[in-house]
Amino acid sequence: MSHSVLVTLHLFAAIMFVGTVFFEVLILEGIRKPLGREAMRNVELAIGRRARRIMPFVMIALFGAGLGMAWQFRDALAQPFASHFATLLWIKIILAFSVLGHFIFAMAMSGTGRLKSRHFQIIHLSVFCHVVLIVFLAKAMFYL
């Protein structure tokens, strides 16, 4: 698959995933107190059900395109400290797989009904920090 197709697919999947994370952290957390515990729990459950249906496909597209792009940079990745680009790309990949781990953990907990509001908050804040760094690194790789 061509690099431009992979970049476009990766970008659209990233917009969906990062946009969802930003919404949940910056918007949803802001309505937690006014809504109250029970209403917020219902919102979290509804979002969780919807996310379990959509996000696996988004993650497959995001990681599939990301791995396709990484394959095109395999020579740089073979020497992670040879350039700023390779080092930053490795950090980005490590952060992305950490996000994937968070996602799998949250989906498993949510699917079994064990995802509590506190878990929801902590996971989303952690993923938020990860994706902010990933977005920064995505640009920094080409400018530093």
Protein backbone atom coordinates (compact mmCIF):
# COMPACT_ATOMS: atom_id res chain seq x y z
CA MET A 1 0.00 0.00 0.00
CA SER A 2 1.36 3.45 -0.83
CA HIS A 3 2.72 5.69 1.87
CA SER A 4 0.14 8.43 1.17
CA VAL A 5 -2.76 5.96 1.55
CA LEU A 6 -1.29 4.66 4.82
CA VAL A 7 -0.78 8.20 6.14
CA THR A 8 -4.36 9.18 5.24
CA LEU A 9 -5.87 6.06 6.81
CA HIS A 10 -3.68 6.51 9.91
CA LEU A 11 -4.66 10.17 10.17
CA PHE A 12 -8.41 9.50 9.95
CA ALA A 13 -8.21 6.70 12.52
CA ALA A 14 -6.08 8.91 14.79
CA ILE A 15 -8.62 11.73 14.51
CA MET A 16 -11.39 9.35 15.60
CA PHE A 17 -9.40 7.88 18.47
CA VAL A 18 -7.72 11.05 19.73
CA GLY A 19 -10.95 13.03 19.28
CA THR A 20 -12.80 10.51 21.41
CA VAL A 21 -10.14 10.66 24.11
CA PHE A 22 -10.14 14.47 24.10
CA PHE A 23 -13.96 14.51 24.32
CA GLU A 24 -14.00 12.08 27.22
CA VAL A 25 -11.28 13.87 29.18
CA LEU A 26 -12.00 17.53 28.44
CA ILE A 27 -15.80 17.49 28.02
CA LEU A 28 -17.13 14.45 29.83
CA GLU A 29 -15.07 14.95 32.97
CA GLY A 30 -16.39 18.52 33.16
CA ILE A 31 -19.98 17.30 33.49
CA ARG A 32 -19.29 14.60 36.09
CA LYS A 33 -20.30 16.68 39.14
CA PRO A 34 -23.35 18.44 37.64
CA LEU A 35 -24.76 15.13 36.34
CA GLY A 36 -24.27 13.21 39.55
CA ARG A 37 -22.89 9.75 40.19
CA GLU A 38 -25.79 7.66 38.84
CA ALA A 39 -26.34 9.67 35.66
CA MET A 40 -22.60 9.73 34.98
CA ARG A 41 -22.39 5.96 35.45
CA ASN A 42 -25.16 5.55 32.86
CA VAL A 43 -23.30 7.85 30.45
CA GLU A 44 -20.08 5.87 30.97
CA LEU A 45 -21.88 2.56 30.38
CA ALA A 46 -23.49 3.89 27.19
CA ILE A 47 -20.17 5.23 25.90
CA GLY A 48 -18.50 1.93 26.80
CA ARG A 49 -21.08 -0.07 24.82
CA ARG A 50 -20.67 2.19 21.79
CA ALA A 51 -16.87 2.16 22.07
CA ARG A 52 -16.79 -1.65 22.17
CA ARG A 53 -18.58 -1.68 18.82
CA ILE A 54 -16.60 1.04 17.00
CA MET A 55 -13.15 1.40 18.54
CA PRO A 56 -11.78 -2.07 17.73
CA PHE A 57 -12.12 -1.21 14.01
CA VAL A 58 -10.57 2.21 14.59
CA MET A 59 -7.66 0.62 16.46
CA ILE A 60 -7.15 -1.99 13.72
CA ALA A 61 -6.99 0.78 11.10
CA LEU A 62 -4.77 2.95 13.29
CA PHE A 63 -2.29 0.21 14.12
CA GLY A 64 -2.45 -1.45 10.71
CA ALA A 65 -1.61 1.79 8.93
CA GLY A 66 0.95 2.67 11.62
CA LEU A 67 2.71 -0.67 11.22
CA GLY A 68 2.65 -0.25 7.44
CA MET A 69 4.30 3.15 7.77
CA ALA A 70 6.80 1.83 10.34
CA TRP A 71 7.76 -0.94 7.90
CA GLN A 72 8.72 1.75 5.39
CA PHE A 73 11.09 3.21 8.02
CA ARG A 74 12.53 -0.17 9.08
CA ASP A 75 16.10 0.89 8.24
CA ALA A 76 15.84 3.88 10.59
CA LEU A 77 14.12 1.74 13.25
CA ALA A 78 16.95 -0.79 13.12
CA GLN A 79 19.23 1.89 14.63
CA PRO A 80 17.06 3.70 17.18
CA PHE A 81 19.79 6.08 18.39
CA ALA A 82 21.33 6.89 15.00
CA SER A 83 19.01 9.88 14.42
CA HIS A 84 16.47 12.02 16.22
CA PHE A 85 13.85 10.73 13.80
CA ALA A 86 14.47 7.08 14.72
CA THR A 87 14.59 7.78 18.45
CA LEU A 88 11.37 9.79 18.41
CA LEU A 89 9.66 7.19 16.20
CA TRP A 90 10.61 4.44 18.67
CA ILE A 91 9.23 6.50 21.57
CA LYS A 92 6.04 7.09 19.59
CA ILE A 93 5.70 3.36 18.88
CA ILE A 94 6.25 2.46 22.55
CA LEU A 95 3.62 5.01 23.62
CA ALA A 96 1.21 3.70 20.97
CA PHE A 97 1.55 0.13 22.25
CA SER A 98 1.03 1.41 25.79
CA VAL A 99 -2.22 3.03 24.60
CA LEU A 100 -3.18 -0.29 22.99
CA GLY A 101 -2.57 -2.00 26.34
CA HIS A 102 -4.77 0.56 28.11
CA PHE A 103 -7.45 0.07 25.45
CA ILE A 104 -7.42 -3.73 25.74
CA PHE A 105 -7.52 -3.52 29.54
CA ALA A 106 -10.45 -1.05 29.48
CA MET A 107 -12.37 -3.11 26.93
CA ALA A 108 -11.88 -6.30 28.97
CA MET A 109 -12.90 -4.60 32.24
CA SER A 110 -15.87 -2.94 30.60
CA GLY A 111 -16.98 -6.17 28.94
CA THR A 112 -17.06 -7.96 32.28
CA GLY A 113 -18.76 -5.06 34.08
CA ARG A 114 -15.77 -4.39 36.34
CA LEU A 115 -14.83 -0.99 34.90
CA LYS A 116 -15.64 1.49 37.66
CA SER A 117 -15.86 5.27 37.29
CA ARG A 118 -12.48 5.71 38.96
CA HIS A 119 -10.87 3.24 36.52
CA PHE A 120 -12.60 5.07 33.65
CA GLN A 121 -11.10 8.38 34.81
CA ILE A 122 -7.57 7.09 35.41
CA ILE A 123 -7.38 5.17 32.13
CA HIS A 124 -8.68 8.11 30.12
CA LEU A 125 -6.31 10.59 31.77
CA SER A 126 -3.36 8.27 31.13
CA VAL A 127 -4.38 7.69 27.50
CA PHE A 128 -4.92 11.45 27.10
CA CYS A 129 -1.33 12.12 28.22
CA HIS A 130 -0.06 9.39 25.91
CA VAL A 131 -1.92 10.70 22.84
CA VAL A 132 -0.81 14.29 23.47
CA LEU A 133 2.79 13.06 23.47
CA ILE A 134 2.19 10.87 20.40
CA VAL A 135 0.72 13.80 18.44
CA PHE A 136 3.64 16.00 19.49
CA LEU A 137 6.16 13.33 18.48
CA ALA A 138 4.41 12.77 15.15
CA LYS A 139 5.31 16.33 14.22
CA ALA A 140 8.61 16.59 16.10
CA MET A 141 10.03 13.58 14.24
CA PHE A 142 10.14 15.63 11.06
CA TYR A 143 11.28 18.93 12.55
CA LEU A 144 13.87 18.09 15.20
